[in-house]
N, C-alpha and C. Protein backbone atom coordinates (compact mmCIF):
# COMPACT_ATOMS: atom_id res chain seq x y z
N MET A 1 92.46 101.71 147.18
CA MET A 1 93.38 102.47 146.31
C MET A 1 94.54 101.59 145.87
N LEU A 2 95.02 101.77 144.66
CA LEU A 2 96.14 101.01 144.11
C LEU A 2 97.31 101.97 143.93
N GLY A 3 98.19 102.03 144.93
CA GLY A 3 99.33 102.93 144.84
C GLY A 3 98.90 104.37 144.64
N GLY A 4 97.77 104.77 145.28
CA GLY A 4 97.27 106.13 145.12
C GLY A 4 96.35 106.29 143.93
N VAL A 5 96.07 105.20 143.18
CA VAL A 5 95.20 105.28 142.02
C VAL A 5 93.94 104.49 142.30
N ASP A 6 92.79 105.05 142.02
CA ASP A 6 91.51 104.40 142.24
C ASP A 6 91.41 103.15 141.38
N LYS A 7 91.15 101.98 141.98
CA LYS A 7 91.08 100.74 141.24
C LYS A 7 89.98 100.78 140.16
N ALA A 8 88.96 101.61 140.36
CA ALA A 8 87.84 101.64 139.42
C ALA A 8 88.27 102.07 138.03
N ILE A 9 89.38 102.81 137.93
CA ILE A 9 89.80 103.27 136.60
C ILE A 9 90.84 102.35 135.97
N VAL A 10 91.16 101.24 136.63
CA VAL A 10 92.09 100.27 136.08
C VAL A 10 91.30 99.02 135.72
N ALA A 11 91.00 98.87 134.43
CA ALA A 11 90.17 97.77 133.96
C ALA A 11 90.90 97.00 132.86
N SER A 12 90.36 95.84 132.52
CA SER A 12 90.89 95.10 131.37
C SER A 12 90.63 95.88 130.10
N VAL A 13 91.63 95.89 129.21
CA VAL A 13 91.50 96.66 127.98
C VAL A 13 92.37 96.02 126.90
N MET A 14 91.91 96.09 125.65
CA MET A 14 92.70 95.61 124.52
C MET A 14 92.67 96.66 123.42
N TRP A 15 93.79 96.79 122.73
CA TRP A 15 93.90 97.73 121.62
C TRP A 15 94.26 96.93 120.36
N PRO A 16 93.26 96.37 119.68
CA PRO A 16 93.52 95.48 118.54
C PRO A 16 94.15 96.21 117.36
N SER A 17 94.88 95.45 116.56
CA SER A 17 95.54 96.01 115.38
C SER A 17 94.54 96.22 114.24
N ASN A 18 94.80 97.21 113.41
CA ASN A 18 94.02 97.43 112.20
C ASN A 18 94.46 96.53 111.07
N ASP A 19 95.61 95.87 111.21
CA ASP A 19 96.19 95.02 110.17
C ASP A 19 96.33 93.59 110.67
N PRO A 20 96.34 92.60 109.77
CA PRO A 20 96.47 91.20 110.19
C PRO A 20 97.91 90.73 110.33
N TRP A 21 98.87 91.64 110.39
CA TRP A 21 100.28 91.25 110.54
C TRP A 21 100.94 92.16 111.57
N CYS A 22 102.08 91.70 112.06
CA CYS A 22 102.75 92.45 113.13
C CYS A 22 104.04 93.10 112.66
N GLY A 23 104.47 92.84 111.44
CA GLY A 23 105.75 93.36 111.00
C GLY A 23 106.88 92.43 111.40
N ASN A 24 108.01 92.57 110.70
CA ASN A 24 109.16 91.71 110.98
C ASN A 24 110.44 92.54 110.82
N GLN A 25 111.06 92.85 111.95
CA GLN A 25 112.29 93.66 111.90
C GLN A 25 113.51 92.85 111.50
N GLY A 26 113.39 91.51 111.49
CA GLY A 26 114.53 90.68 111.14
C GLY A 26 115.70 90.93 112.08
N SER A 27 116.89 91.03 111.53
CA SER A 27 118.09 91.26 112.35
C SER A 27 118.38 92.74 112.56
N LEU A 28 117.55 93.61 111.99
CA LEU A 28 117.76 95.05 112.13
C LEU A 28 117.35 95.50 113.53
N GLY A 29 118.17 96.34 114.16
CA GLY A 29 117.88 96.79 115.52
C GLY A 29 116.88 97.93 115.57
N ALA A 30 115.82 97.81 114.78
CA ALA A 30 114.85 98.90 114.62
C ALA A 30 113.59 98.67 115.45
N CYS A 31 113.74 98.02 116.61
CA CYS A 31 112.54 97.70 117.40
C CYS A 31 111.76 98.94 117.79
N GLU A 32 112.45 100.07 118.06
CA GLU A 32 111.73 101.30 118.39
C GLU A 32 110.82 101.72 117.24
N ALA A 33 111.33 101.67 116.03
CA ALA A 33 110.54 102.09 114.88
C ALA A 33 109.37 101.15 114.63
N PHE A 34 109.61 99.83 114.72
CA PHE A 34 108.52 98.88 114.52
C PHE A 34 107.47 99.03 115.62
N THR A 35 107.90 99.37 116.83
CA THR A 35 106.95 99.60 117.91
C THR A 35 106.05 100.80 117.61
N GLN A 36 106.63 101.86 117.05
CA GLN A 36 105.81 103.02 116.70
C GLN A 36 104.79 102.67 115.61
N LEU A 37 105.19 101.84 114.64
CA LEU A 37 104.25 101.40 113.62
C LEU A 37 103.18 100.50 114.22
N ASP A 38 103.55 99.66 115.20
CA ASP A 38 102.55 98.87 115.91
C ASP A 38 101.50 99.78 116.53
N ILE A 39 101.95 100.84 117.18
CA ILE A 39 101.02 101.76 117.82
C ILE A 39 100.20 102.53 116.80
N ALA A 40 100.84 102.95 115.72
CA ALA A 40 100.13 103.72 114.69
C ALA A 40 99.03 102.91 114.03
N THR A 41 99.20 101.58 113.97
CA THR A 41 98.22 100.72 113.30
C THR A 41 97.34 99.96 114.29
N SER A 42 97.28 100.43 115.54
CA SER A 42 96.41 99.82 116.55
C SER A 42 95.37 100.82 117.01
N LYS A 43 94.18 100.31 117.37
CA LYS A 43 93.17 101.18 117.95
C LYS A 43 93.76 101.87 119.17
N PRO A 44 93.39 103.14 119.43
CA PRO A 44 92.38 103.93 118.75
C PRO A 44 92.88 104.69 117.52
N ARG A 45 94.14 104.47 117.11
CA ARG A 45 94.65 105.13 115.91
C ARG A 45 94.21 104.35 114.67
N SER A 46 94.36 104.97 113.49
CA SER A 46 93.68 104.41 112.32
C SER A 46 94.58 104.05 111.15
N TRP A 47 95.91 104.16 111.29
CA TRP A 47 96.77 103.78 110.17
C TRP A 47 96.58 102.30 109.83
N SER A 48 96.78 101.98 108.55
CA SER A 48 96.68 100.59 108.10
C SER A 48 97.49 100.45 106.82
N PHE A 49 98.01 99.22 106.59
CA PHE A 49 98.82 98.94 105.41
C PHE A 49 98.26 97.72 104.69
N GLN A 50 98.34 97.74 103.39
CA GLN A 50 97.78 96.65 102.58
C GLN A 50 98.61 95.37 102.66
N GLN A 51 99.91 95.50 102.90
CA GLN A 51 100.80 94.34 102.91
C GLN A 51 101.83 94.49 104.04
N GLN A 52 102.32 93.36 104.54
CA GLN A 52 103.34 93.42 105.57
C GLN A 52 104.61 94.07 105.04
N ALA A 53 104.94 93.84 103.77
CA ALA A 53 106.15 94.44 103.20
C ALA A 53 106.06 95.96 103.25
N THR A 54 104.88 96.52 103.03
CA THR A 54 104.69 97.96 103.10
C THR A 54 104.84 98.47 104.52
N PHE A 55 104.29 97.70 105.46
CA PHE A 55 104.45 98.01 106.89
C PHE A 55 105.93 98.02 107.25
N ASN A 56 106.65 96.97 106.84
CA ASN A 56 108.08 96.87 107.16
C ASN A 56 108.86 98.06 106.62
N GLN A 57 108.56 98.46 105.38
CA GLN A 57 109.28 99.58 104.77
C GLN A 57 108.97 100.89 105.50
N ALA A 58 107.72 101.06 105.91
CA ALA A 58 107.36 102.26 106.66
C ALA A 58 108.11 102.32 107.98
N ALA A 59 108.29 101.15 108.63
CA ALA A 59 109.03 101.11 109.88
C ALA A 59 110.50 101.44 109.66
N ILE A 60 111.07 100.95 108.57
CA ILE A 60 112.48 101.25 108.27
C ILE A 60 112.65 102.74 107.98
N ASP A 61 111.70 103.33 107.26
CA ASP A 61 111.75 104.77 107.01
C ASP A 61 111.67 105.55 108.33
N ALA A 62 110.82 105.06 109.25
CA ALA A 62 110.72 105.70 110.57
C ALA A 62 112.04 105.57 111.32
N TYR A 63 112.68 104.42 111.18
CA TYR A 63 113.95 104.18 111.87
C TYR A 63 115.01 105.18 111.41
N LYS A 64 115.01 105.52 110.13
CA LYS A 64 115.96 106.51 109.62
C LYS A 64 115.77 107.84 110.34
N TRP A 65 114.51 108.27 110.49
CA TRP A 65 114.23 109.54 111.16
C TRP A 65 114.60 109.46 112.63
N ILE A 66 114.24 108.37 113.28
CA ILE A 66 114.48 108.23 114.72
C ILE A 66 115.97 108.26 115.01
N THR A 67 116.78 107.53 114.25
CA THR A 67 118.23 107.52 114.52
C THR A 67 118.88 108.85 114.17
N ALA A 68 118.28 109.61 113.27
CA ALA A 68 118.82 110.93 112.93
C ALA A 68 118.47 111.97 113.98
N ASN A 69 117.50 111.67 114.85
CA ASN A 69 117.01 112.66 115.80
C ASN A 69 117.20 112.26 117.26
N ASP A 70 117.85 111.11 117.50
CA ASP A 70 118.12 110.73 118.89
C ASP A 70 119.49 111.25 119.31
N SER A 71 119.90 110.93 120.53
CA SER A 71 121.16 111.45 121.06
C SER A 71 122.34 110.51 120.86
N PHE A 72 122.10 109.38 120.17
CA PHE A 72 123.17 108.39 120.01
C PHE A 72 123.98 108.67 118.74
N PRO A 73 125.28 108.40 118.77
CA PRO A 73 126.09 108.57 117.55
C PRO A 73 125.62 107.60 116.46
N GLY A 74 125.70 108.05 115.22
CA GLY A 74 125.35 107.19 114.09
C GLY A 74 123.90 107.33 113.67
N THR A 75 123.68 107.17 112.37
CA THR A 75 122.34 107.26 111.78
C THR A 75 122.17 106.11 110.80
N TYR A 76 120.98 105.53 110.78
CA TYR A 76 120.69 104.45 109.83
C TYR A 76 120.10 105.02 108.56
N PRO A 77 120.58 104.56 107.36
CA PRO A 77 121.77 103.74 107.19
C PRO A 77 123.04 104.60 107.23
N PRO A 78 124.18 104.01 107.45
CA PRO A 78 124.45 102.57 107.57
C PRO A 78 124.52 102.07 109.01
N ASP A 79 124.45 103.00 109.99
CA ASP A 79 124.72 102.61 111.38
C ASP A 79 123.46 102.09 112.05
N ASP A 80 123.46 100.81 112.38
CA ASP A 80 122.32 100.17 113.04
C ASP A 80 122.52 100.28 114.55
N THR A 81 122.22 101.47 115.09
CA THR A 81 122.57 101.79 116.47
C THR A 81 121.46 101.51 117.48
N GLY A 82 120.23 101.24 116.99
CA GLY A 82 119.10 101.21 117.90
C GLY A 82 118.76 102.63 118.33
N SER A 83 117.78 102.78 119.23
CA SER A 83 117.40 104.11 119.67
C SER A 83 116.68 104.01 121.01
N ASP A 84 115.91 105.04 121.35
CA ASP A 84 115.23 105.07 122.64
C ASP A 84 113.74 105.37 122.45
N SER A 85 112.96 105.02 123.47
CA SER A 85 111.50 105.11 123.35
C SER A 85 110.99 106.54 123.23
N LEU A 86 111.64 107.47 123.91
CA LEU A 86 111.17 108.85 123.85
C LEU A 86 111.33 109.43 122.45
N THR A 87 112.48 109.17 121.79
CA THR A 87 112.65 109.64 120.42
C THR A 87 111.70 108.93 119.48
N GLY A 88 111.49 107.62 119.70
CA GLY A 88 110.51 106.90 118.90
C GLY A 88 109.14 107.52 119.00
N CYS A 89 108.74 107.89 120.21
CA CYS A 89 107.44 108.52 120.41
C CYS A 89 107.36 109.87 119.70
N LYS A 90 108.48 110.58 119.65
CA LYS A 90 108.48 111.87 118.96
C LYS A 90 108.20 111.71 117.46
N TRP A 91 108.55 110.53 116.92
CA TRP A 91 108.18 110.26 115.52
C TRP A 91 106.66 110.20 115.38
N LEU A 92 105.97 109.62 116.37
CA LEU A 92 104.51 109.60 116.34
C LEU A 92 103.95 111.02 116.37
N VAL A 93 104.57 111.90 117.16
CA VAL A 93 104.13 113.29 117.20
C VAL A 93 104.32 113.94 115.84
N LYS A 94 105.46 113.69 115.21
CA LYS A 94 105.74 114.25 113.89
C LYS A 94 104.69 113.82 112.87
N GLN A 95 104.19 112.60 113.01
CA GLN A 95 103.19 112.08 112.07
C GLN A 95 101.77 112.52 112.42
N GLY A 96 101.61 113.27 113.49
CA GLY A 96 100.29 113.70 113.91
C GLY A 96 99.51 112.61 114.64
N LEU A 97 100.21 111.56 115.11
CA LEU A 97 99.56 110.44 115.78
C LEU A 97 99.60 110.56 117.30
N ALA A 98 100.25 111.59 117.80
CA ALA A 98 100.28 111.88 119.23
C ALA A 98 100.53 113.37 119.37
N LYS A 99 100.03 113.93 120.47
CA LYS A 99 100.25 115.35 120.72
C LYS A 99 101.48 115.58 121.58
N SER A 100 101.87 114.55 122.35
CA SER A 100 103.03 114.67 123.21
C SER A 100 103.42 113.29 123.70
N CYS A 101 104.55 113.21 124.40
CA CYS A 101 105.07 111.94 124.91
C CYS A 101 105.33 112.09 126.40
N THR A 102 104.76 111.20 127.19
CA THR A 102 104.89 111.27 128.64
C THR A 102 105.68 110.09 129.16
N ILE A 103 106.76 110.35 129.89
CA ILE A 103 107.52 109.29 130.55
C ILE A 103 106.76 108.87 131.81
N LEU A 104 106.48 107.58 131.92
CA LEU A 104 105.69 107.05 133.03
C LEU A 104 106.60 106.44 134.08
N SER A 105 106.20 106.53 135.32
CA SER A 105 106.98 105.98 136.42
C SER A 105 106.08 105.14 137.31
N GLY A 106 106.33 103.84 137.36
CA GLY A 106 105.61 102.98 138.27
C GLY A 106 104.44 102.26 137.64
N MET A 107 104.10 101.12 138.23
CA MET A 107 103.06 100.25 137.72
C MET A 107 101.69 100.93 137.65
N SER A 108 101.32 101.68 138.69
CA SER A 108 100.01 102.32 138.71
C SER A 108 99.84 103.28 137.55
N ALA A 109 100.88 104.06 137.26
CA ALA A 109 100.80 105.03 136.16
C ALA A 109 100.63 104.33 134.82
N VAL A 110 101.30 103.21 134.62
CA VAL A 110 101.19 102.49 133.35
C VAL A 110 99.81 101.86 133.21
N LYS A 111 99.28 101.31 134.30
CA LYS A 111 97.95 100.70 134.25
C LYS A 111 96.88 101.73 133.92
N VAL A 112 97.03 102.94 134.41
CA VAL A 112 96.09 104.01 134.07
C VAL A 112 96.30 104.44 132.62
N ALA A 113 97.55 104.59 132.20
CA ALA A 113 97.85 105.08 130.86
C ALA A 113 97.31 104.16 129.77
N VAL A 114 97.39 102.84 129.98
CA VAL A 114 96.97 101.89 128.95
C VAL A 114 95.46 101.90 128.76
N GLN A 115 94.72 102.52 129.65
CA GLN A 115 93.28 102.60 129.49
C GLN A 115 92.87 103.40 128.25
N SER A 116 93.75 104.31 127.81
CA SER A 116 93.40 105.15 126.67
C SER A 116 94.23 104.86 125.42
N GLY A 117 95.08 103.82 125.45
CA GLY A 117 95.85 103.47 124.27
C GLY A 117 97.12 102.73 124.63
N PRO A 118 97.81 102.17 123.63
CA PRO A 118 99.04 101.41 123.89
C PRO A 118 100.14 102.28 124.48
N VAL A 119 101.00 101.65 125.25
CA VAL A 119 102.15 102.30 125.87
C VAL A 119 103.42 101.66 125.32
N ILE A 120 104.45 102.46 125.06
CA ILE A 120 105.75 101.97 124.61
C ILE A 120 106.53 101.46 125.82
N ILE A 121 107.09 100.26 125.70
CA ILE A 121 107.93 99.75 126.79
C ILE A 121 109.32 99.45 126.24
N GLY A 122 110.31 99.70 127.07
CA GLY A 122 111.69 99.31 126.78
C GLY A 122 112.17 98.39 127.86
N ILE A 123 112.58 97.18 127.53
CA ILE A 123 112.96 96.20 128.54
C ILE A 123 114.32 95.58 128.21
N ASN A 124 114.93 95.02 129.22
CA ASN A 124 116.08 94.16 128.99
C ASN A 124 115.58 92.83 128.44
N TRP A 125 116.13 92.39 127.32
CA TRP A 125 115.73 91.11 126.74
C TRP A 125 116.74 90.05 127.19
N LEU A 126 116.21 89.01 127.84
CA LEU A 126 117.07 87.99 128.43
C LEU A 126 117.24 86.80 127.50
N SER A 127 118.32 86.06 127.69
CA SER A 127 118.73 85.02 126.73
C SER A 127 117.75 83.87 126.63
N ASN A 128 116.89 83.66 127.63
CA ASN A 128 115.92 82.55 127.58
C ASN A 128 114.52 82.98 127.15
N MET A 129 114.39 84.23 126.67
CA MET A 129 113.07 84.77 126.36
C MET A 129 112.67 84.65 124.89
N TYR A 130 113.48 84.01 124.08
CA TYR A 130 113.23 84.04 122.63
C TYR A 130 112.11 83.11 122.17
N THR A 131 111.77 82.11 122.96
CA THR A 131 110.80 81.11 122.51
C THR A 131 109.63 81.04 123.48
N PRO A 132 108.55 81.76 123.21
CA PRO A 132 107.39 81.68 124.10
C PRO A 132 106.70 80.32 124.00
N ASP A 133 106.02 79.91 125.08
CA ASP A 133 105.28 78.65 125.01
C ASP A 133 103.95 78.88 124.29
N ARG A 134 103.12 77.85 124.20
CA ARG A 134 101.90 77.94 123.39
C ARG A 134 100.88 78.92 123.98
N CYS A 135 101.11 79.33 125.24
CA CYS A 135 100.25 80.33 125.86
C CYS A 135 100.85 81.74 125.80
N GLY A 136 102.01 81.85 125.16
CA GLY A 136 102.65 83.14 125.04
C GLY A 136 103.52 83.53 126.21
N GLN A 137 103.72 82.60 127.15
CA GLN A 137 104.56 82.88 128.30
C GLN A 137 106.04 82.77 127.93
N LEU A 138 106.84 83.67 128.50
CA LEU A 138 108.27 83.66 128.27
C LEU A 138 109.00 83.13 129.50
N ASN A 139 110.14 82.51 129.27
CA ASN A 139 111.02 82.11 130.36
C ASN A 139 111.89 83.30 130.73
N VAL A 140 111.47 84.04 131.74
CA VAL A 140 112.11 85.31 132.06
C VAL A 140 113.33 85.05 132.94
N ASN A 141 114.34 84.47 132.31
CA ASN A 141 115.59 84.14 132.97
C ASN A 141 116.73 84.24 131.97
N GLY A 142 117.95 84.23 132.49
CA GLY A 142 119.12 84.25 131.62
C GLY A 142 119.87 85.56 131.70
N SER A 143 120.88 85.65 130.88
CA SER A 143 121.69 86.86 130.83
C SER A 143 121.02 87.90 129.94
N VAL A 144 121.40 89.16 130.11
CA VAL A 144 120.84 90.24 129.30
C VAL A 144 121.50 90.24 127.93
N ASP A 145 120.69 90.04 126.87
CA ASP A 145 121.22 90.07 125.51
C ASP A 145 121.19 91.47 124.92
N GLY A 146 120.42 92.36 125.51
CA GLY A 146 120.31 93.73 125.00
C GLY A 146 118.95 94.30 125.35
N GLY A 147 118.70 95.52 124.87
CA GLY A 147 117.41 96.15 125.10
C GLY A 147 116.46 95.88 123.96
N HIS A 148 115.15 95.92 124.25
CA HIS A 148 114.14 95.67 123.23
C HIS A 148 112.94 96.55 123.51
N ALA A 149 112.34 97.09 122.44
CA ALA A 149 111.14 97.93 122.56
C ALA A 149 109.94 97.17 122.03
N GLU A 150 108.81 97.32 122.70
CA GLU A 150 107.55 96.71 122.29
C GLU A 150 106.42 97.63 122.73
N SER A 151 105.17 97.24 122.44
CA SER A 151 104.04 98.03 122.90
C SER A 151 103.07 97.16 123.69
N THR A 152 102.39 97.78 124.64
CA THR A 152 101.40 97.08 125.44
C THR A 152 100.08 97.08 124.68
N ALA A 153 99.77 95.95 124.07
CA ALA A 153 98.54 95.84 123.29
C ALA A 153 97.31 95.69 124.17
N GLY A 154 97.50 95.28 125.43
CA GLY A 154 96.36 95.13 126.31
C GLY A 154 96.75 94.74 127.71
N TYR A 155 95.75 94.80 128.60
CA TYR A 155 95.97 94.46 130.01
C TYR A 155 94.75 93.69 130.51
N ASP A 156 95.00 92.58 131.21
CA ASP A 156 93.94 91.77 131.81
C ASP A 156 93.97 92.01 133.32
N ALA A 157 92.99 92.76 133.81
CA ALA A 157 92.97 93.11 135.23
C ALA A 157 92.73 91.91 136.13
N ALA A 158 91.98 90.91 135.63
CA ALA A 158 91.66 89.74 136.45
C ALA A 158 92.89 88.92 136.78
N THR A 159 93.81 88.81 135.83
CA THR A 159 95.02 88.01 136.03
C THR A 159 96.27 88.86 136.23
N ASP A 160 96.13 90.19 136.14
CA ASP A 160 97.25 91.13 136.26
C ASP A 160 98.33 90.78 135.23
N THR A 161 97.87 90.59 133.99
CA THR A 161 98.73 90.14 132.89
C THR A 161 98.68 91.14 131.75
N TRP A 162 99.83 91.30 131.09
CA TRP A 162 99.96 92.23 129.96
C TRP A 162 100.12 91.46 128.66
N TYR A 163 99.44 91.93 127.61
CA TYR A 163 99.62 91.39 126.26
C TYR A 163 100.55 92.34 125.52
N ILE A 164 101.68 91.82 125.09
CA ILE A 164 102.74 92.63 124.51
C ILE A 164 102.90 92.31 123.03
N GLN A 165 102.91 93.37 122.19
CA GLN A 165 103.07 93.20 120.75
C GLN A 165 104.55 93.20 120.38
N ASN A 166 105.01 92.10 119.80
CA ASN A 166 106.37 92.02 119.29
C ASN A 166 106.33 92.15 117.76
N HIS A 167 107.48 92.12 117.12
CA HIS A 167 107.53 92.35 115.67
C HIS A 167 108.61 91.46 115.05
N TRP A 168 108.45 90.16 115.34
CA TRP A 168 109.33 89.14 114.78
C TRP A 168 108.53 88.17 113.91
N ASP A 169 107.58 88.69 113.18
CA ASP A 169 106.74 87.97 112.22
C ASP A 169 105.59 87.25 112.92
N ASN A 170 104.62 86.82 112.10
CA ASN A 170 103.38 86.27 112.63
C ASN A 170 103.52 84.89 113.24
N ASP A 171 104.60 84.16 112.92
CA ASP A 171 104.75 82.81 113.46
C ASP A 171 105.48 82.80 114.79
N TRP A 172 105.78 83.99 115.34
CA TRP A 172 106.39 84.09 116.67
C TRP A 172 105.30 84.45 117.67
N GLY A 173 105.26 83.77 118.79
CA GLY A 173 104.31 84.12 119.84
C GLY A 173 102.92 83.57 119.60
N ILE A 174 101.92 84.24 120.14
CA ILE A 174 100.54 83.77 120.06
C ILE A 174 99.69 84.74 119.26
N CYS A 175 98.51 84.28 118.89
CA CYS A 175 97.55 85.10 118.16
C CYS A 175 96.42 85.53 119.08
N LEU A 176 95.95 86.74 118.89
CA LEU A 176 94.75 87.25 119.55
C LEU A 176 93.78 87.60 118.44
N GLY A 177 92.77 86.75 118.25
CA GLY A 177 91.91 86.91 117.10
C GLY A 177 92.68 86.61 115.83
N THR A 178 92.63 87.51 114.87
CA THR A 178 93.32 87.31 113.59
C THR A 178 94.72 87.89 113.58
N HIS A 179 95.15 88.48 114.68
CA HIS A 179 96.46 89.14 114.71
C HIS A 179 97.41 88.34 115.59
N CYS A 180 98.65 88.19 115.13
CA CYS A 180 99.62 87.34 115.82
C CYS A 180 100.87 88.15 116.22
N GLY A 181 101.81 87.43 116.85
CA GLY A 181 103.07 88.06 117.24
C GLY A 181 103.09 88.60 118.65
N TYR A 182 102.15 88.15 119.50
CA TYR A 182 102.09 88.63 120.87
C TYR A 182 102.79 87.68 121.84
N HIS A 183 103.17 88.21 122.99
CA HIS A 183 103.51 87.38 124.15
C HIS A 183 102.90 88.02 125.38
N VAL A 184 102.98 87.35 126.50
CA VAL A 184 102.38 87.88 127.73
C VAL A 184 103.46 88.00 128.82
N LEU A 185 103.25 88.96 129.69
CA LEU A 185 104.09 89.15 130.87
C LEU A 185 103.19 89.49 132.04
N SER A 186 103.48 88.95 133.20
CA SER A 186 102.78 89.35 134.40
C SER A 186 103.30 90.71 134.86
N SER A 187 102.52 91.39 135.69
CA SER A 187 103.00 92.65 136.24
C SER A 187 104.26 92.44 137.07
N ALA A 188 104.35 91.31 137.76
CA ALA A 188 105.55 91.03 138.55
C ALA A 188 106.78 90.96 137.66
N GLN A 189 106.62 90.39 136.46
CA GLN A 189 107.75 90.31 135.53
C GLN A 189 108.05 91.67 134.91
N LEU A 190 107.00 92.34 134.43
CA LEU A 190 107.20 93.59 133.69
C LEU A 190 107.74 94.70 134.58
N PHE A 191 107.30 94.74 135.82
CA PHE A 191 107.71 95.83 136.70
C PHE A 191 108.77 95.39 137.72
N GLY A 192 109.25 94.15 137.61
CA GLY A 192 110.31 93.70 138.49
C GLY A 192 111.65 94.27 138.09
N THR A 193 112.57 94.26 139.00
CA THR A 193 113.90 94.80 138.71
C THR A 193 114.63 93.96 137.67
N LEU A 194 114.19 92.71 137.48
CA LEU A 194 114.86 91.85 136.51
C LEU A 194 114.81 92.42 135.10
N LEU A 195 113.65 93.00 134.72
CA LEU A 195 113.51 93.52 133.37
C LEU A 195 113.90 94.99 133.24
N ASP A 196 113.94 95.71 134.36
CA ASP A 196 114.39 97.09 134.32
C ASP A 196 113.68 97.87 133.21
N ALA A 197 112.33 97.80 133.22
CA ALA A 197 111.55 98.38 132.13
C ALA A 197 111.41 99.90 132.26
N ASP A 198 111.31 100.59 131.10
CA ASP A 198 110.89 101.99 131.10
C ASP A 198 109.69 102.12 130.17
N PHE A 199 108.91 103.18 130.37
CA PHE A 199 107.62 103.32 129.72
C PHE A 199 107.41 104.74 129.22
N VAL A 200 106.86 104.86 128.00
CA VAL A 200 106.52 106.15 127.44
C VAL A 200 105.11 106.06 126.87
N LYS A 201 104.26 107.03 127.21
CA LYS A 201 102.89 107.05 126.71
C LYS A 201 102.76 108.10 125.62
N PRO A 202 102.41 107.68 124.37
CA PRO A 202 102.06 108.67 123.33
C PRO A 202 100.66 109.22 123.63
N GLU A 203 100.56 110.48 123.98
CA GLU A 203 99.28 111.08 124.33
C GLU A 203 98.48 111.38 123.06
N LEU A 204 97.24 110.97 123.05
CA LEU A 204 96.38 111.18 121.88
C LEU A 204 96.10 112.65 121.66
N ASN A 205 95.90 113.01 120.38
CA ASN A 205 95.54 114.39 120.04
C ASN A 205 94.14 114.69 120.55
């Protein structure tokens, strides 16, 4: 048993993107919105965009809704306040891309949840994590620069490693097949106190 969860149901899994780009949030603090678009355009969901510019605009439109419906003061535009994963997930529900949003607690729950689709993660982003190496590994050290949202594009059970989809353009991170913008984190990194991660699962309809 793995923390009360049968190991047989925790397997390697990947949720490839329907599009050949990952989106680029630039300096806008819209990582929650871009994460929801990442999930919307990844298997098993079916959204797709003809161009990255269209993807980016859809994410910005989502960001407007998310900031208008979260508990933080300010709405974009003009207030670039960021948001939270649970409100971001509620945007997926509004679009008919999820039936509900489940807050996950603990490594075992996330490993089970990713078996049926990507999971939203919110982590502390550290000052040395901006430049992944050629294998997609991050230097998980430094001071906390702020919070960042991403999605779990896959899990490798053999190495206990997570493939994480970022949205800082295709030339950041590594490529998996024809899709780029990924980095990797070990379970020790992702679930360690250093990153202080939280997790939300968009439940499929």
